[in-house]
PDB file of N, CA and C in Angstrom:
ATOM      1  N   UNK A   1       8.485  -2.601   8.386  1.00  0.00           N
ATOM      2  CA  UNK A   1       7.820  -2.441   6.840  1.00  0.00           C
ATOM      3  C   UNK A   1       8.919  -2.967   6.193  1.00  0.00           C
ATOM      4  N   UNK A   2       8.328  -3.710   4.948  1.00  0.00           N
ATOM      5  CA  UNK A   2       9.138  -4.236   3.814  1.00  0.00           C
ATOM      6  C   UNK A   2       9.633  -3.250   3.127  1.00  0.00           C
ATOM      7  N   UNK A   3      10.477  -3.566   2.089  1.00  0.00           N
ATOM      8  CA  UNK A   3      11.178  -2.447   1.345  1.00  0.00           C
ATOM      9  C   UNK A   3       9.938  -2.043   0.362  1.00  0.00           C
ATOM     10  N   UNK A   4       9.250  -3.028  -0.011  1.00  0.00           N
ATOM     11  CA  UNK A   4       8.238  -2.757  -1.111  1.00  0.00           C
ATOM     12  C   UNK A   4       7.361  -1.690  -0.823  1.00  0.00           C
ATOM     13  N   UNK A   5       6.761  -1.934   0.622  1.00  0.00           N
ATOM     14  CA  UNK A   5       6.005  -1.180   1.572  1.00  0.00           C
ATOM     15  C   UNK A   5       6.497   0.337   1.536  1.00  0.00           C
ATOM     16  N   UNK A   6       7.629   0.316   1.819  1.00  0.00           N
ATOM     17  CA  UNK A   6       8.502   1.767   2.014  1.00  0.00           C
ATOM     18  C   UNK A   6       8.187   2.324   0.714  1.00  0.00           C
ATOM     19  N   UNK A   7       8.629   1.655  -0.404  1.00  0.00           N
ATOM     20  CA  UNK A   7       8.833   2.169  -1.855  1.00  0.00           C
ATOM     21  C   UNK A   7       7.616   2.753  -2.273  1.00  0.00           C
ATOM     22  N   UNK A   8       6.104   2.053  -1.888  1.00  0.00           N
ATOM     23  CA  UNK A   8       4.922   2.378  -1.994  1.00  0.00           C
ATOM     24  C   UNK A   8       4.693   3.832  -1.366  1.00  0.00           C
ATOM     25  N   UNK A   9       5.017   4.078  -0.008  1.00  0.00           N
ATOM     26  CA  UNK A   9       5.208   5.057   0.764  1.00  0.00           C
ATOM     27  C   UNK A   9       5.574   6.223   0.117  1.00  0.00           C
ATOM     28  N   UNK A  10       6.816   6.210  -0.332  1.00  0.00           N
ATOM     29  CA  UNK A  10       7.674   7.036  -0.872  1.00  0.00           C
ATOM     30  C   UNK A  10       7.116   7.456  -2.273  1.00  0.00           C
ATOM     31  N   UNK A  11       6.517   6.722  -3.073  1.00  0.00           N
ATOM     32  CA  UNK A  11       5.943   7.082  -4.306  1.00  0.00           C
ATOM     33  C   UNK A  11       4.642   7.866  -4.029  1.00  0.00           C
ATOM     34  N   UNK A  12       3.694   7.470  -2.983  1.00  0.00           N
ATOM     35  CA  UNK A  12       2.663   8.363  -2.834  1.00  0.00           C
ATOM     36  C   UNK A  12       2.959   9.556  -2.263  1.00  0.00           C
ATOM     37  N   UNK A  13       4.074   9.729  -1.465  1.00  0.00           N
ATOM     38  CA  UNK A  13       4.629  11.166  -0.744  1.00  0.00           C
ATOM     39  C   UNK A  13       4.930  11.821  -2.026  1.00  0.00           C
ATOM     40  N   UNK A  14       5.753  11.516  -2.918  1.00  0.00           N
ATOM     41  CA  UNK A  14       6.025  12.065  -4.118  1.00  0.00           C
ATOM     42  C   UNK A  14       5.182  12.399  -4.963  1.00  0.00           C
ATOM     43  N   UNK A  15       4.097  11.789  -5.110  1.00  0.00           N
ATOM     44  CA  UNK A  15       3.026  11.937  -6.035  1.00  0.00           C
ATOM     45  C   UNK A  15       2.197  13.017  -5.342  1.00  0.00           C
ATOM     46  N   UNK A  16       2.138  13.462  -4.178  1.00  0.00           N
ATOM     47  CA  UNK A  16       1.356  14.501  -3.676  1.00  0.00           C
ATOM     48  C   UNK A  16       2.215  15.667  -3.680  1.00  0.00           C
ATOM     49  N   UNK A  17       3.403  15.844  -3.883  1.00  0.00           N
ATOM     50  CA  UNK A  17       4.125  16.977  -4.118  1.00  0.00           C
ATOM     51  C   UNK A  17       4.279  17.687  -5.361  1.00  0.00           C
ATOM     52  N   UNK A  18       4.500  18.937  -5.468  1.00  0.00           N
ATOM     53  CA  UNK A  18       4.205  19.648  -6.688  1.00  0.00           C
ATOM     54  C   UNK A  18       5.901  19.890  -6.970  1.00  0.00           C
ATOM     55  N   UNK A  19       6.066  19.333  -7.841  1.00  0.00           N
ATOM     56  CA  UNK A  19       7.582  19.449  -8.708  1.00  0.00           C
ATOM     57  C   UNK A  19       7.645  20.061  -9.705  1.00  0.00           C
ATOM     58  N   UNK A  20       6.775  20.990 -10.010  1.00  0.00           N
ATOM     59  CA  UNK A  20       6.553  21.643 -11.405  1.00  0.00           C
ATOM     60  C   UNK A  20       7.563  22.730 -11.686  1.00  0.00           C
ATOM     61  N   UNK A  21       8.131  23.401 -10.560  1.00  0.00           N
ATOM     62  CA  UNK A  21       9.225  24.225 -10.441  1.00  0.00           C
ATOM     63  C   UNK A  21      10.461  23.738 -10.069  1.00  0.00           C
ATOM     64  N   UNK A  22      10.532  22.377  -9.836  1.00  0.00           N
ATOM     65  CA  UNK A  22      11.766  21.921  -9.354  1.00  0.00           C
ATOM     66  C   UNK A  22      12.757  21.516 -10.446  1.00  0.00           C
ATOM     67  N   UNK A  23      14.000  21.907 -10.207  1.00  0.00           N
ATOM     68  CA  UNK A  23      14.851  21.626 -11.596  1.00  0.00           C
ATOM     69  C   UNK A  23      15.205  20.038 -11.355  1.00  0.00           C
ATOM     70  N   UNK A  24      16.065  19.748 -12.361  1.00  0.00           N
ATOM     71  CA  UNK A  24      16.468  18.292 -12.487  1.00  0.00           C
ATOM     72  C   UNK A  24      17.228  17.968 -11.045  1.00  0.00           C
ATOM     73  N   UNK A  25      16.588  16.618 -10.728  1.00  0.00           N
ATOM     74  CA  UNK A  25      17.220  16.022  -9.443  1.00  0.00           C
ATOM     75  C   UNK A  25      17.282  14.700  -9.831  1.00  0.00           C
ATOM     76  N   UNK A  26      18.365  13.910  -9.465  1.00  0.00           N
ATOM     77  CA  UNK A  26      18.445  12.278  -9.610  1.00  0.00           C
ATOM     78  C   UNK A  26      19.053  11.980  -8.174  1.00  0.00           C
ATOM     79  N   UNK A  27      18.354  11.226  -7.241  1.00  0.00           N
ATOM     80  CA  UNK A  27      18.880  10.967  -6.130  1.00  0.00           C
ATOM     81  C   UNK A  27      18.665   9.556  -5.969  1.00  0.00           C
ATOM     82  N   UNK A  28      20.047   8.883  -5.695  1.00  0.00           N
ATOM     83  CA  UNK A  28      19.835   7.444  -5.267  1.00  0.00           C
ATOM     84  C   UNK A  28      19.618   7.427  -3.673  1.00  0.00           C
ATOM     85  N   UNK A  29      18.391   6.481  -2.973  1.00  0.00           N
ATOM     86  CA  UNK A  29      18.540   6.246  -1.844  1.00  0.00           C
ATOM     87  C   UNK A  29      18.825   4.963  -1.451  1.00  0.00           C
ATOM     88  N   UNK A  30      19.747   4.574  -0.726  1.00  0.00           N
ATOM     89  CA  UNK A  30      20.437   3.329  -0.179  1.00  0.00           C
ATOM     90  C   UNK A  30      19.872   3.016   1.358  1.00  0.00           C
ATOM     91  N   UNK A  31      18.971   2.357   1.334  1.00  0.00           N
ATOM     92  CA  UNK A  31      18.367   1.855   2.666  1.00  0.00           C
ATOM     93  C   UNK A  31      19.125   0.737   3.210  1.00  0.00           C
ATOM     94  N   UNK A  32      19.734   0.945   4.511  1.00  0.00           N
ATOM     95  CA  UNK A  32      20.400  -0.334   5.009  1.00  0.00           C
ATOM     96  C   UNK A  32      19.480  -1.080   6.027  1.00  0.00           C
ATOM     97  N   UNK A  33      19.857  -2.022   6.645  1.00  0.00           N
ATOM     98  CA  UNK A  33      19.460  -2.867   7.347  1.00  0.00           C
ATOM     99  C   UNK A  33      18.607  -4.118   6.906  1.00  0.00           C
ATOM    100  N   UNK A  34      17.705  -4.585   7.502  1.00  0.00           N
ATOM    101  CA  UNK A  34      16.998  -5.918   7.468  1.00  0.00           C
ATOM    102  C   UNK A  34      16.362  -5.869   6.079  1.00  0.00           C
ATOM    103  N   UNK A  35      15.549  -4.834   5.841  1.00  0.00           N
ATOM    104  CA  UNK A  35      14.508  -4.834   4.959  1.00  0.00           C
ATOM    105  C   UNK A  35      15.316  -3.408   4.022  1.00  0.00           C
ATOM    106  N   UNK A  36      16.216  -3.634   3.820  1.00  0.00           N
ATOM    107  CA  UNK A  36      16.945  -2.462   2.938  1.00  0.00           C
ATOM    108  C   UNK A  36      16.794  -2.753   1.473  1.00  0.00           C
ATOM    109  N   UNK A  37      17.339  -1.666   0.855  1.00  0.00           N
ATOM    110  CA  UNK A  37      17.102  -1.843  -0.635  1.00  0.00           C
ATOM    111  C   UNK A  37      17.771  -0.544  -1.277  1.00  0.00           C
ATOM    112  N   UNK A  38      17.603  -0.671  -2.651  1.00  0.00           N
ATOM    113  CA  UNK A  38      17.886   0.745  -3.236  1.00  0.00           C
ATOM    114  C   UNK A  38      17.071   1.111  -4.338  1.00  0.00           C
ATOM    115  N   UNK A  39      16.589   2.259  -4.163  1.00  0.00           N
ATOM    116  CA  UNK A  39      15.624   3.237  -5.207  1.00  0.00           C
ATOM    117  C   UNK A  39      16.253   4.447  -5.596  1.00  0.00           C
ATOM    118  N   UNK A  40      15.755   5.108  -6.565  1.00  0.00           N
ATOM    119  CA  UNK A  40      16.020   6.299  -6.877  1.00  0.00           C
ATOM    120  C   UNK A  40      14.686   7.135  -6.922  1.00  0.00           C
ATOM    121  N   UNK A  41      14.879   8.541  -6.874  1.00  0.00           N
ATOM    122  CA  UNK A  41      13.811   9.653  -7.092  1.00  0.00           C
ATOM    123  C   UNK A  41      14.366  10.505  -8.349  1.00  0.00           C
ATOM    124  N   UNK A  42      13.801  10.531  -9.382  1.00  0.00           N
ATOM    125  CA  UNK A  42      14.255  11.532 -10.235  1.00  0.00           C
ATOM    126  C   UNK A  42      12.659  12.542 -10.556  1.00  0.00           C
ATOM    127  N   UNK A  43      13.624  13.848 -10.469  1.00  0.00           N
ATOM    128  CA  UNK A  43      12.648  14.781 -11.029  1.00  0.00           C
ATOM    129  C   UNK A  43      13.196  15.315 -12.290  1.00  0.00           C
ATOM    130  N   UNK A  44      12.150  15.335 -13.344  1.00  0.00           N
ATOM    131  CA  UNK A  44      12.800  15.800 -14.672  1.00  0.00           C
ATOM    132  C   UNK A  44      11.638  16.521 -15.410  1.00  0.00           C
ATOM    133  N   UNK A  45      11.668  17.406 -16.019  1.00  0.00           N
ATOM    134  CA  UNK A  45      10.430  17.975 -16.943  1.00  0.00           C
ATOM    135  C   UNK A  45       9.313  18.487 -15.940  1.00  0.00           C
ATOM    136  N   UNK A  46       9.305  18.711 -14.722  1.00  0.00           N
ATOM    137  CA  UNK A  46       8.408  18.750 -13.836  1.00  0.00           C
ATOM    138  C   UNK A  46       7.386  17.548 -13.596  1.00  0.00           C
ATOM    139  N   UNK A  47       8.147  16.398 -13.662  1.00  0.00           N
ATOM    140  CA  UNK A  47       7.643  14.963 -13.209  1.00  0.00           C
ATOM    141  C   UNK A  47       8.286  14.565 -12.199  1.00  0.00           C
ATOM    142  N   UNK A  48       7.916  13.683 -11.584  1.00  0.00           N
ATOM    143  CA  UNK A  48       8.707  12.880 -10.465  1.00  0.00           C
ATOM    144  C   UNK A  48       8.548  11.660 -10.639  1.00  0.00           C
ATOM    145  N   UNK A  49       9.467  10.858 -10.720  1.00  0.00           N
ATOM    146  CA  UNK A  49       9.528   9.269 -10.535  1.00  0.00           C
ATOM    147  C   UNK A  49      10.357   8.478  -9.643  1.00  0.00           C
ATOM    148  N   UNK A  50       9.760   7.383  -8.955  1.00  0.00           N
ATOM    149  CA  UNK A  50      10.234   6.538  -8.075  1.00  0.00           C
ATOM    150  C   UNK A  50      10.746   5.152  -8.719  1.00  0.00           C
ATOM    151  N   UNK A  51      11.681   4.720  -8.752  1.00  0.00           N
ATOM    152  CA  UNK A  51      11.939   3.227  -9.212  1.00  0.00           C
ATOM    153  C   UNK A  51      12.943   2.780  -8.476  1.00  0.00           C
ATOM    154  N   UNK A  52      12.875   1.293  -8.387  1.00  0.00           N
ATOM    155  CA  UNK A  52      13.674   0.593  -7.576  1.00  0.00           C
ATOM    156  C   UNK A  52      14.999  -0.090  -8.159  1.00  0.00           C
ATOM    157  N   UNK A  53      15.669   0.875  -8.547  1.00  0.00           N
ATOM    158  CA  UNK A  53      17.060   0.503  -9.231  1.00  0.00           C
ATOM    159  C   UNK A  53      18.034   1.676  -8.927  1.00  0.00           C
ATOM    160  N   UNK A  54      19.500   1.233  -8.841  1.00  0.00           N
ATOM    161  CA  UNK A  54      20.393   2.238  -9.033  1.00  0.00           C
ATOM    162  C   UNK A  54      20.416   3.094 -10.014  1.00  0.00           C
ATOM    163  N   UNK A  55      21.012   4.572  -9.812  1.00  0.00           N
ATOM    164  CA  UNK A  55      20.950   5.509 -10.557  1.00  0.00           C
ATOM    165  C   UNK A  55      22.232   5.786 -10.729  1.00  0.00           C
ATOM    166  N   UNK A  56      22.958   5.563 -11.802  1.00  0.00           N
ATOM    167  CA  UNK A  56      24.508   5.963 -11.973  1.00  0.00           C
ATOM    168  C   UNK A  56      24.863   7.016 -12.423  1.00  0.00           C
ATOM    169  N   UNK A  57      24.028   8.141 -13.034  1.00  0.00           N
ATOM    170  CA  UNK A  57      24.449   9.730 -13.397  1.00  0.00           C
ATOM    171  C   UNK A  57      23.634  10.241 -12.610  1.00  0.00           C
ATOM    172  N   UNK A  58      23.562  10.242 -11.085  1.00  0.00           N
ATOM    173  CA  UNK A  58      22.714  10.936 -10.028  1.00  0.00           C
ATOM    174  C   UNK A  58      23.444  11.951  -9.572  1.00  0.00           C
ATOM    175  N   UNK A  59      22.898  12.900  -9.197  1.00  0.00           N
ATOM    176  CA  UNK A  59      23.227  14.254  -8.296  1.00  0.00           C
ATOM    177  C   UNK A  59      23.951  13.870  -6.989  1.00  0.00           C
ATOM    178  N   UNK A  60      23.198  12.973  -6.198  1.00  0.00           N
ATOM    179  CA  UNK A  60      23.824  12.490  -4.985  1.00  0.00           C
ATOM    180  C   UNK A  60      23.213  11.108  -4.544  1.00  0.00           C
ATOM    181  N   UNK A  61      23.742  10.482  -3.592  1.00  0.00           N
ATOM    182  CA  UNK A  61      23.008   9.314  -3.206  1.00  0.00           C
ATOM    183  C   UNK A  61      23.084   9.783  -1.322  1.00  0.00           C
ATOM    184  N   UNK A  62      21.837   8.961  -0.929  1.00  0.00           N
ATOM    185  CA  UNK A  62      21.835   9.231   0.512  1.00  0.00           C
ATOM    186  C   UNK A  62      21.836   7.758   0.976  1.00  0.00           C
ATOM    187  N   UNK A  63      22.591   7.583   2.188  1.00  0.00           N
ATOM    188  CA  UNK A  63      22.345   6.342   2.729  1.00  0.00           C
ATOM    189  C   UNK A  63      21.939   6.490   4.454  1.00  0.00           C
ATOM    190  N   UNK A  64      20.949   5.633   4.549  1.00  0.00           N
ATOM    191  CA  UNK A  64      20.201   5.640   6.235  1.00  0.00           C
ATOM    192  C   UNK A  64      19.512   4.365   6.175  1.00  0.00           C
ATOM    193  N   UNK A  65      19.184   4.168   7.629  1.00  0.00           N
ATOM    194  CA  UNK A  65      18.234   3.025   8.168  1.00  0.00           C
ATOM    195  C   UNK A  65      17.068   3.384   7.365  1.00  0.00           C
ATOM    196  N   UNK A  66      16.200   2.190   7.238  1.00  0.00           N
ATOM    197  CA  UNK A  66      14.831   2.419   7.175  1.00  0.00           C
ATOM    198  C   UNK A  66      14.047   3.338   8.171  1.00  0.00           C
ATOM    199  N   UNK A  67      14.159   2.824   9.263  1.00  0.00           N
ATOM    200  CA  UNK A  67      13.659   3.656  10.384  1.00  0.00           C
ATOM    201  C   UNK A  67      13.369   4.967  10.290  1.00  0.00           C
ATOM    202  N   UNK A  68      14.879   5.257  10.200  1.00  0.00           N
ATOM    203  CA  UNK A  68      15.497   6.754  10.217  1.00  0.00           C
ATOM    204  C   UNK A  68      14.919   7.602   9.075  1.00  0.00           C
ATOM    205  N   UNK A  69      14.868   6.782   7.825  1.00  0.00           N
ATOM    206  CA  UNK A  69      14.353   7.240   6.698  1.00  0.00           C
ATOM    207  C   UNK A  69      12.625   7.585   6.591  1.00  0.00           C
ATOM    208  N   UNK A  70      12.357   6.676   7.469  1.00  0.00           N
ATOM    209  CA  UNK A  70      10.582   6.858   7.706  1.00  0.00           C
ATOM    210  C   UNK A  70      10.403   8.329   8.454  1.00  0.00           C
ATOM    211  N   UNK A  71      11.358   8.155   9.700  1.00  0.00           N
ATOM    212  CA  UNK A  71      11.034   9.653  10.316  1.00  0.00           C
ATOM    213  C   UNK A  71      11.302  10.927   9.863  1.00  0.00           C
ATOM    214  N   UNK A  72      12.457  10.788   8.687  1.00  0.00           N
ATOM    215  CA  UNK A  72      12.801  11.788   8.019  1.00  0.00           C
ATOM    216  C   UNK A  72      11.432  12.293   7.025  1.00  0.00           C
ATOM    217  N   UNK A  73      10.862  11.363   6.563  1.00  0.00           N
ATOM    218  CA  UNK A  73       9.819  11.300   5.500  1.00  0.00           C
ATOM    219  C   UNK A  73       8.706  11.963   6.332  1.00  0.00           C
ATOM    220  N   UNK A  74       8.539  11.385   7.548  1.00  0.00           N
ATOM    221  CA  UNK A  74       7.432  12.151   8.460  1.00  0.00           C
ATOM    222  C   UNK A  74       7.779  13.268   9.235  1.00  0.00           C
ATOM    223  N   UNK A  75       8.800  13.953   8.920  1.00  0.00           N
ATOM    224  CA  UNK A  75       9.111  15.230   9.373  1.00  0.00           C
ATOM    225  C   UNK A  75       9.456  14.994  10.980  1.00  0.00           C
ATOM    226  N   UNK A  76       9.978  13.874  11.374  1.00  0.00           N
ATOM    227  CA  UNK A  76      10.312  13.597  12.776  1.00  0.00           C
ATOM    228  C   UNK A  76      11.686  13.855  12.908  1.00  0.00           C
ATOM    229  N   UNK A  77      12.637  13.626  11.927  1.00  0.00           N
ATOM    230  CA  UNK A  77      13.876  13.683  11.719  1.00  0.00           C
ATOM    231  C   UNK A  77      14.389  15.033  11.027  1.00  0.00           C
ATOM    232  N   UNK A  78      15.282  15.880  11.598  1.00  0.00           N
ATOM    233  CA  UNK A  78      15.781  16.920  10.850  1.00  0.00           C
ATOM    234  C   UNK A  78      16.998  16.416  10.052  1.00  0.00           C
ATOM    235  N   UNK A  79      16.919  16.821   8.704  1.00  0.00           N
ATOM    236  CA  UNK A  79      17.837  15.916   7.533  1.00  0.00           C
ATOM    237  C   UNK A  79      19.177  16.774   8.063  1.00  0.00           C
ATOM    238  N   UNK A  80      19.221  17.957   8.481  1.00  0.00           N
ATOM    239  CA  UNK A  80      20.707  18.545   8.893  1.00  0.00           C
ATOM    240  C   UNK A  80      21.218  17.834   9.730  1.00  0.00           C
ATOM    241  N   UNK A  81      20.448  17.820  11.157  1.00  0.00           N
ATOM    242  CA  UNK A  81      20.667  17.172  12.454  1.00  0.00           C
ATOM    243  C   UNK A  81      21.322  15.496  12.033  1.00  0.00           C
ATOM    244  N   UNK A  82      20.473  14.834  11.157  1.00  0.00           N
ATOM    245  CA  UNK A  82      20.802  13.518  10.868  1.00  0.00           C
ATOM    246  C   UNK A  82      22.077  13.697  10.014  1.00  0.00           C
ATOM    247  N   UNK A  83      22.250  14.211   9.207  1.00  0.00           N
ATOM    248  CA  UNK A  83      23.685  14.346   8.612  1.00  0.00           C
ATOM    249  C   UNK A  83      24.947  14.614   9.402  1.00  0.00           C
ATOM    250  N   UNK A  84      24.514  15.656  10.208  1.00  0.00           N
ATOM    251  CA  UNK A  84      25.899  16.104  11.190  1.00  0.00           C
ATOM    252  C   UNK A  84      25.985  14.996  12.157  1.00  0.00           C
ATOM    253  N   UNK A  85      24.972  14.393  12.954  1.00  0.00           N
ATOM    254  CA  UNK A  85      25.140  13.080  13.799  1.00  0.00           C
ATOM    255  C   UNK A  85      25.678  11.551  12.981  1.00  0.00           C
ATOM    256  N   UNK A  86      25.672  11.873  11.697  1.00  0.00           N
ATOM    257  CA  UNK A  86      25.925  10.565  10.860  1.00  0.00           C
ATOM    258  C   UNK A  86      24.884   9.495  10.803  1.00  0.00           C
ATOM    259  N   UNK A  87      23.670   9.752  11.140  1.00  0.00           N
ATOM    260  CA  UNK A  87      22.595   8.833  10.721  1.00  0.00           C
ATOM    261  C   UNK A  87      22.186   9.031   9.195  1.00  0.00           C
ATOM    262  N   UNK A  88      22.661   9.921   8.431  1.00  0.00           N
ATOM    263  CA  UNK A  88      22.269  10.054   7.100  1.00  0.00           C
ATOM    264  C   UNK A  88      23.691  10.269   6.487  1.00  0.00           C
ATOM    265  N   UNK A  89      24.131   9.566   5.500  1.00  0.00           N
ATOM    266  CA  UNK A  89      25.295   9.963   4.780  1.00  0.00           C
ATOM    267  C   UNK A  89      24.972  10.199   3.441  1.00  0.00           C
ATOM    268  N   UNK A  90      25.865  11.310   2.813  1.00  0.00           N
ATOM    269  CA  UNK A  90      25.422  11.596   1.653  1.00  0.00           C
ATOM    270  C   UNK A  90      26.673  11.587   0.732  1.00  0.00           C
ATOM    271  N   UNK A  91      26.727  11.028  -0.500  1.00  0.00           N
ATOM    272  CA  UNK A  91      27.736  10.825  -1.376  1.00  0.00           C
ATOM    273  C   UNK A  91      27.457  11.865  -2.534  1.00  0.00           C
ATOM    274  N   UNK A  92      28.040  12.673  -2.960  1.00  0.00           N
ATOM    275  CA  UNK A  92      27.695  13.636  -4.076  1.00  0.00           C
ATOM    276  C   UNK A  92      27.560  15.205  -3.431  1.00  0.00           C
ATOM    277  N   UNK A  93      26.642  15.533  -4.516  1.00  0.00           N
ATOM    278  CA  UNK A  93      26.045  17.245  -4.186  1.00  0.00           C
ATOM    279  C   UNK A  93      25.114  17.260  -2.826  1.00  0.00           C
ATOM    280  N   UNK A  94      25.759  17.898  -1.875  1.00  0.00           N
ATOM    281  CA  UNK A  94      25.093  18.123  -0.524  1.00  0.00           C
ATOM    282  C   UNK A  94      23.629  18.965  -0.582  1.00  0.00           C
ATOM    283  N   UNK A  95      24.131  20.014  -1.461  1.00  0.00           N
ATOM    284  CA  UNK A  95      22.995  20.824  -1.765  1.00  0.00           C
ATOM    285  C   UNK A  95      21.586  19.905  -2.502  1.00  0.00           C
ATOM    286  N   UNK A  96      22.112  19.274  -3.261  1.00  0.00           N
ATOM    287  CA  UNK A  96      20.927  18.559  -4.242  1.00  0.00           C
ATOM    288  C   UNK A  96      20.251  17.285  -2.732  1.00  0.00           C
ATOM    289  N   UNK A  97      21.189  16.916  -2.118  1.00  0.00           N
ATOM    290  CA  UNK A  97      20.519  16.134  -1.089  1.00  0.00           C
ATOM    291  C   UNK A  97      19.572  17.024  -0.057  1.00  0.00           C
ATOM    292  N   UNK A  98      19.946  18.107  -0.039  1.00  0.00           N
ATOM    293  CA  UNK A  98      18.984  19.104   0.837  1.00  0.00           C
ATOM    294  C   UNK A  98      17.833  19.281   0.172  1.00  0.00           C
ATOM    295  N   UNK A  99      17.626  19.278  -1.030  1.00  0.00           N
ATOM    296  CA  UNK A  99      16.458  19.909  -1.849  1.00  0.00           C
ATOM    297  C   UNK A  99      15.750  18.590  -2.026  1.00  0.00           C
ATOM    298  N   UNK A 100      16.503  17.340  -1.811  1.00  0.00           N
ATOM    299  CA  UNK A 100      15.908  15.909  -1.895  1.00  0.00           C
ATOM    300  C   UNK A 100      14.992  15.921  -0.466  1.00  0.00           C
ATOM    301  N   UNK A 101      15.696  16.133   0.654  1.00  0.00           N
ATOM    302  CA  UNK A 101      14.700  16.081   1.942  1.00  0.00           C
ATOM    303  C   UNK A 101      13.567  16.898   1.784  1.00  0.00           C
ATOM    304  N   UNK A 102      13.809  18.099   1.075  1.00  0.00           N
ATOM    305  CA  UNK A 102      12.464  19.075   1.207  1.00  0.00           C
ATOM    306  C   UNK A 102      11.497  18.283   0.385  1.00  0.00           C
ATOM    307  N   UNK A 103      11.933  17.618  -0.518  1.00  0.00           N
ATOM    308  CA  UNK A 103      10.815  16.951  -1.639  1.00  0.00           C
ATOM    309  C   UNK A 103      10.014  16.027  -0.743  1.00  0.00           C
ATOM    310  N   UNK A 104      10.753  15.266  -0.179  1.00  0.00           N
ATOM    311  CA  UNK A 104       9.870  13.976   0.406  1.00  0.00           C
ATOM    312  C   UNK A 104       9.407  14.386   1.917  1.00  0.00           C
ATOM    313  N   UNK A 105       9.504  15.433   2.202  1.00  0.00           N
ATOM    314  CA  UNK A 105       8.834  15.890   3.652  1.00  0.00           C
ATOM    315  C   UNK A 105       7.431  16.241   3.574  1.00  0.00           C
TER     316      UNK A 105
END
């Protein structure tokens, strides 16, 4: 899957998620590997957006390989297990990273 296809999949997933009661959340996602890239997901005022840029004032940043990120989105990889086994790295607020994982599942 190309990075652009992954971004489209994330946008579709986030668009289907009810974020009306979600507090502010800004997470930068760093995808490593051959088809890697950077994007962010921001939830603000009950609306979510996904953009292919770095987010400097983020709540946290998560880093993982594309294949593992897809498994996380598909519910085939537990985020806590991924973090404790080193498949998922978090920089910043770990609680916000957990909120993010619930958002994309």
